[in-house]
Amino acid sequence: MSKYTKEQIMEKTNELAKMLAETDEVDFFKRAEASINQNEKVQQLIKQIKLLQKESVNLQHYQKHEAYQENERKIDELMKQLDEIPIVQEFKQSQVDVNDLLQYISITISNRVTDEIITSTGGDLLKGETGSALEANAKQNC
């Protein structure tokens, strides 16, 4: 059984990250983000939302509840307008797709490491127990 150093694992991690950065999902995300950054209507809405958010912080700080509520209503309306723009919808979907891919990889790695630990200790994959857990259970049942 070979052992790997943290440095070797990090090297492979960097290779995997480079591979992920070149997937269709990430490529689409990059293109969608570029489109959003170049879209004047989107940028104007974002600018207005940020300005209102700053105002909301001040209104909340000075306990101007009615003005704060009105400001939040305006923010919600602008967010709704922003979300209705097709390129924004595509961008948000691309974020979900990239996140799903990362989640899938993370879960797969976690499951494989767990399986490898169980197998390398003579454990039972079906029970999800390592060899030492099986031995401890056997001793308890005697």
Protein backbone atom coordinates (compact mmCIF):
# COMPACT_ATOMS: atom_id res chain seq x y z
CA MET A 1 0.00 0.00 0.00
CA SER A 2 1.52 3.30 -1.02
CA LYS A 3 1.23 6.45 0.99
CA TYR A 4 0.82 9.87 -0.53
CA THR A 5 2.06 13.14 0.88
CA LYS A 6 -0.16 16.15 1.33
CA GLU A 7 1.92 17.85 -1.37
CA GLN A 8 1.18 15.05 -3.85
CA ILE A 9 -2.52 15.23 -3.04
CA MET A 10 -2.52 19.02 -3.45
CA GLU A 11 -0.79 18.61 -6.82
CA LYS A 12 -3.58 16.27 -7.95
CA THR A 13 -6.16 18.66 -6.50
CA ASN A 14 -4.70 21.47 -8.61
CA GLU A 15 -4.86 19.23 -11.69
CA LEU A 16 -8.50 18.42 -10.93
CA ALA A 17 -9.29 22.11 -10.42
CA LYS A 18 -7.74 22.91 -13.81
CA MET A 19 -9.78 20.15 -15.43
CA LEU A 20 -12.98 21.46 -13.79
CA ALA A 21 -12.23 24.98 -14.99
CA GLU A 22 -12.29 23.59 -18.53
CA THR A 23 -15.68 21.83 -18.35
CA ASP A 24 -18.72 22.86 -20.40
CA GLU A 25 -20.48 23.96 -17.20
CA VAL A 26 -17.72 26.35 -16.19
CA ASP A 27 -17.30 27.58 -19.76
CA PHE A 28 -21.00 28.43 -19.94
CA PHE A 29 -20.76 30.15 -16.54
CA LYS A 30 -17.87 32.32 -17.79
CA ARG A 31 -19.76 33.29 -20.94
CA ALA A 32 -22.94 34.07 -18.99
CA GLU A 33 -21.01 36.21 -16.52
CA ALA A 34 -19.34 38.11 -19.37
CA SER A 35 -22.75 38.74 -20.94
CA ILE A 36 -24.09 40.06 -17.66
CA ASN A 37 -21.09 42.35 -17.21
CA GLN A 38 -21.62 43.75 -20.72
CA ASN A 39 -25.40 44.15 -20.45
CA GLU A 40 -26.21 47.78 -19.71
CA LYS A 41 -29.73 47.11 -18.43
CA VAL A 42 -28.46 44.46 -16.01
CA GLN A 43 -25.63 46.67 -14.80
CA GLN A 44 -28.01 49.61 -14.27
CA LEU A 45 -30.38 47.45 -12.21
CA ILE A 46 -27.49 46.10 -10.14
CA LYS A 47 -26.24 49.64 -9.53
CA GLN A 48 -29.70 50.76 -8.38
CA ILE A 49 -30.07 47.74 -6.11
CA LYS A 50 -26.68 48.35 -4.48
CA LEU A 51 -27.53 52.00 -3.89
CA LEU A 52 -30.87 51.10 -2.30
CA GLN A 53 -29.20 48.43 -0.16
CA LYS A 54 -26.77 51.03 1.20
CA GLU A 55 -29.70 53.33 1.92
CA SER A 56 -31.51 50.48 3.69
CA VAL A 57 -28.55 49.94 6.00
CA ASN A 58 -28.61 53.62 6.95
CA LEU A 59 -32.38 53.69 7.36
CA GLN A 60 -32.24 50.62 9.56
CA HIS A 61 -29.42 52.12 11.61
CA TYR A 62 -31.43 55.29 12.22
CA GLN A 63 -34.58 53.24 12.87
CA LYS A 64 -36.55 54.79 10.01
CA HIS A 65 -38.85 51.77 9.79
CA GLU A 66 -41.36 53.02 7.23
CA ALA A 67 -38.69 54.37 4.89
CA TYR A 68 -36.73 51.15 5.35
CA GLN A 69 -39.78 49.04 4.41
CA GLU A 70 -40.39 51.20 1.31
CA ASN A 71 -36.75 50.87 0.32
CA GLU A 72 -36.89 47.09 0.72
CA ARG A 73 -40.02 47.00 -1.46
CA LYS A 74 -38.13 48.90 -4.17
CA ILE A 75 -35.21 46.48 -3.89
CA ASP A 76 -37.57 43.51 -4.23
CA GLU A 77 -39.14 45.04 -7.33
CA LEU A 78 -35.76 45.68 -8.95
CA MET A 79 -34.62 42.15 -8.05
CA LYS A 80 -37.74 40.79 -9.70
CA GLN A 81 -37.01 42.80 -12.84
CA LEU A 82 -33.42 41.56 -12.80
CA ASP A 83 -34.50 37.94 -12.40
CA GLU A 84 -36.82 38.23 -15.40
CA ILE A 85 -33.94 39.00 -17.77
CA PRO A 86 -33.06 35.81 -19.70
CA ILE A 87 -29.29 36.21 -19.38
CA VAL A 88 -29.65 36.55 -15.60
CA GLN A 89 -31.72 33.36 -15.52
CA GLU A 90 -29.06 31.60 -17.60
CA PHE A 91 -26.33 32.88 -15.30
CA LYS A 92 -28.14 31.69 -12.19
CA GLN A 93 -28.73 28.28 -13.79
CA SER A 94 -25.06 28.07 -14.71
CA GLN A 95 -24.17 28.77 -11.06
CA VAL A 96 -26.46 25.90 -10.02
CA ASP A 97 -24.91 23.60 -12.63
CA VAL A 98 -21.33 24.36 -11.55
CA ASN A 99 -22.28 23.99 -7.88
CA ASP A 100 -24.00 20.65 -8.61
CA LEU A 101 -20.86 19.41 -10.37
CA LEU A 102 -18.68 20.45 -7.41
CA GLN A 103 -21.10 18.82 -4.95
CA TYR A 104 -21.10 15.61 -6.99
CA ILE A 105 -17.29 15.52 -7.03
CA SER A 106 -17.07 16.26 -3.32
CA ILE A 107 -19.57 13.53 -2.42
CA THR A 108 -17.90 11.05 -4.77
CA ILE A 109 -14.47 11.70 -3.23
CA SER A 110 -15.88 11.41 0.29
CA ASN A 111 -17.63 8.13 -0.52
CA ARG A 112 -14.55 6.70 -2.24
CA VAL A 113 -12.32 7.58 0.73
CA THR A 114 -14.81 5.97 3.12
CA ASP A 115 -15.02 2.86 0.93
CA GLU A 116 -11.22 2.69 0.72
CA ILE A 117 -10.91 2.91 4.51
CA ILE A 118 -13.49 0.16 5.00
CA THR A 119 -11.90 -2.10 2.37
CA SER A 120 -8.30 -1.52 3.50
CA THR A 121 -9.21 -2.46 7.08
CA GLY A 122 -10.98 -5.67 6.02
CA GLY A 123 -14.37 -4.15 6.72
CA ASP A 124 -17.79 -4.73 5.19
CA LEU A 125 -18.87 -2.21 2.54
CA LEU A 126 -22.50 -3.32 2.71
CA LYS A 127 -22.64 -2.69 6.45
CA GLY A 128 -20.43 0.40 6.18
CA GLU A 129 -18.20 -0.87 8.98
CA THR A 130 -14.43 -0.94 9.17
CA GLY A 131 -12.56 -4.10 10.10
CA SER A 132 -11.96 -2.86 13.63
CA ALA A 133 -15.69 -2.14 14.05
CA LEU A 134 -16.53 -5.66 12.89
CA GLU A 135 -13.99 -7.10 15.33
CA ALA A 136 -15.37 -5.02 18.20
CA ASN A 137 -18.93 -6.13 17.39
CA ALA A 138 -17.83 -9.77 17.19
CA LYS A 139 -16.18 -9.53 20.63
CA GLN A 140 -19.32 -7.95 22.11
CA ASN A 141 -21.49 -10.74 20.71
CA CYS A 142 -19.34 -13.47 22.28
